[in-house]
Structure formats: C-alpha cells, structure tokens
Amino acid sequence: MRQHLQCPHTTVAATRRDGRVPRIGDEAQMFDGSAQKTFDSSGTEYSNDTAAEIYANEDSTTFLNEINPGNQVRGRIIFDVPKSTKLTAVELHDSPFSNGVRVALS
C-alpha cells in the first residue's frame, strides 16, 4: 500500500537519551502516536501521520499500545511537514488525555 504524503515527512524518534519513553504513574495508559504533536518556531502545530508510523514501526509500538506502570515504549513518530519547516518542540503524551510534556528539539 502506498500513501501520498502532503510534504516530505519528518521523523521524531519517541525516545529519551536511553532510547525509550518510560511510563510513570500508577495505572496503565493507552499510548497512541496520534496524541503526539510537534511545533515550529512560530507555534504552528503539526499532527502525526499514523499510516506512515505503522510502516516505520514494524511492531506497531506507536499505535494504541497500552503501557503498564514502569514499562517503556520505543518507536518513531512521523510528522508530515513542509521540508523547509524548522521544528522546535515536540509534545509527548502517555495517553490521549494526559497534559503531556513539551520537549525542545535542537
């Protein structure tokens, strides 16, 4: 299956320095790539490309993956953004209902 991208895509690895995003808290949460966001320097928000993520993550780690407390997930979050876009931050959520955390991109 081929999907036409609106623009060249940008991949953001959903990782910390050790290569994983840990689940903190006391109950399982449903991680979903579609809950993640990225932003450019003017504050424009971009959503993920779920179909591209399914191909980029053979084990589907970013698509409706329940994460138990203390466990971790590793995967790639794909954003379809114009090639000239300079992304400055990504907002990561452990579930679609969490407040998330904004991480600066360098």
Protein backbone atom coordinates (compact mmCIF):
# COMPACT_ATOMS: atom_id res chain seq x y z
CA MET A 1 0.00 0.00 0.00
CA ARG A 2 1.34 3.44 -0.88
CA GLN A 3 0.24 6.66 0.68
CA HIS A 4 0.74 10.09 -0.84
CA LEU A 5 2.36 12.46 1.63
CA GLN A 6 1.37 16.10 1.53
CA CYS A 7 5.02 17.07 2.11
CA PRO A 8 8.29 15.33 2.83
CA HIS A 9 7.86 13.83 6.27
CA THR A 10 9.88 14.37 9.42
CA THR A 11 10.59 11.54 11.81
CA VAL A 12 10.84 12.21 15.50
CA ALA A 13 12.08 9.25 17.49
CA ALA A 14 9.91 8.87 20.55
CA THR A 15 12.88 8.45 22.76
CA ARG A 16 14.86 9.88 25.59
CA ARG A 17 18.64 9.65 25.77
CA ASP A 18 18.46 5.93 26.58
CA GLY A 19 16.20 5.23 23.58
CA ARG A 20 12.91 4.74 25.42
CA VAL A 21 10.00 6.71 26.85
CA PRO A 22 9.14 5.37 30.31
CA ARG A 23 5.58 5.14 31.62
CA ILE A 24 5.43 6.76 35.04
CA GLY A 25 2.32 6.71 37.18
CA ASP A 26 0.24 4.08 38.92
CA GLU A 27 -2.07 2.81 36.18
CA ALA A 28 -1.82 1.62 32.58
CA GLN A 29 -2.30 4.23 29.86
CA MET A 30 -3.02 3.88 26.14
CA PHE A 31 -0.12 5.34 24.13
CA ASP A 32 -1.14 6.50 20.67
CA GLY A 33 1.01 8.33 18.15
CA SER A 34 -1.96 10.49 17.18
CA ALA A 35 -1.86 12.14 20.63
CA GLN A 36 1.64 13.49 19.91
CA LYS A 37 2.23 16.96 18.44
CA THR A 38 5.14 18.95 17.09
CA PHE A 39 5.60 22.71 16.71
CA ASP A 40 7.64 25.07 14.58
CA SER A 41 9.27 28.34 15.69
CA SER A 42 6.07 30.34 15.06
CA GLY A 43 3.99 27.97 17.20
CA THR A 44 2.26 26.20 14.32
CA GLU A 45 1.11 22.75 15.49
CA TYR A 46 1.54 19.65 13.32
CA SER A 47 -0.13 16.29 13.90
CA ASN A 48 1.37 12.88 13.29
CA ASP A 49 0.95 10.61 10.26
CA THR A 50 -0.48 7.40 11.70
CA ALA A 51 -0.30 5.42 8.45
CA ALA A 52 3.40 6.24 8.00
CA GLU A 53 4.04 5.27 11.62
CA ILE A 54 2.58 1.82 11.08
CA TYR A 55 5.17 1.23 8.34
CA ALA A 56 8.02 2.86 10.30
CA ASN A 57 7.31 0.77 13.40
CA GLU A 58 7.05 -2.86 12.40
CA ASP A 59 5.84 -3.83 15.87
CA SER A 60 3.18 -1.05 15.96
CA THR A 61 4.58 0.48 19.17
CA THR A 62 3.05 3.88 18.47
CA PHE A 63 -0.46 2.71 17.60
CA LEU A 64 -2.85 2.12 20.52
CA ASN A 65 -0.28 0.48 22.76
CA GLU A 66 -1.25 0.04 26.41
CA ILE A 67 1.74 0.74 28.66
CA ASN A 68 1.75 -0.54 32.22
CA PRO A 69 3.44 1.44 35.02
CA GLY A 70 7.22 1.04 34.94
CA ASN A 71 7.24 -0.24 31.36
CA GLN A 72 8.66 1.62 28.37
CA VAL A 73 7.88 2.08 24.70
CA ARG A 74 10.25 2.81 21.86
CA GLY A 75 9.17 3.90 18.41
CA ARG A 76 9.13 6.54 15.71
CA ILE A 77 6.52 9.26 15.47
CA ILE A 78 6.13 10.55 11.90
CA PHE A 79 5.06 14.11 11.11
CA ASP A 80 4.22 15.20 7.56
CA VAL A 81 5.58 18.76 7.44
CA PRO A 82 6.94 21.00 4.67
CA LYS A 83 10.63 20.34 4.01
CA SER A 84 11.68 23.89 4.96
CA THR A 85 9.93 23.71 8.35
CA LYS A 86 12.19 24.08 11.39
CA LEU A 87 10.60 22.11 14.19
CA THR A 88 11.40 23.48 17.64
CA ALA A 89 9.42 21.29 20.04
CA VAL A 90 7.54 18.03 20.35
CA GLU A 91 4.74 17.45 22.85
CA LEU A 92 4.65 13.87 24.11
CA HIS A 93 1.62 12.33 25.80
CA ASP A 94 1.44 8.97 27.56
CA SER A 95 -2.26 8.87 26.69
CA PRO A 96 -4.65 10.99 24.63
CA PHE A 97 -5.97 12.51 27.87
CA SER A 98 -2.70 13.49 29.58
CA ASN A 99 -1.31 17.02 29.79
CA GLY A 100 1.85 15.84 28.09
CA VAL A 101 5.34 17.23 28.28
CA ARG A 102 6.90 19.64 25.77
CA VAL A 103 10.46 18.79 24.76
CA ALA A 104 12.67 21.27 22.90
CA LEU A 105 14.24 20.00 19.68
CA SER A 106 17.74 21.11 18.82
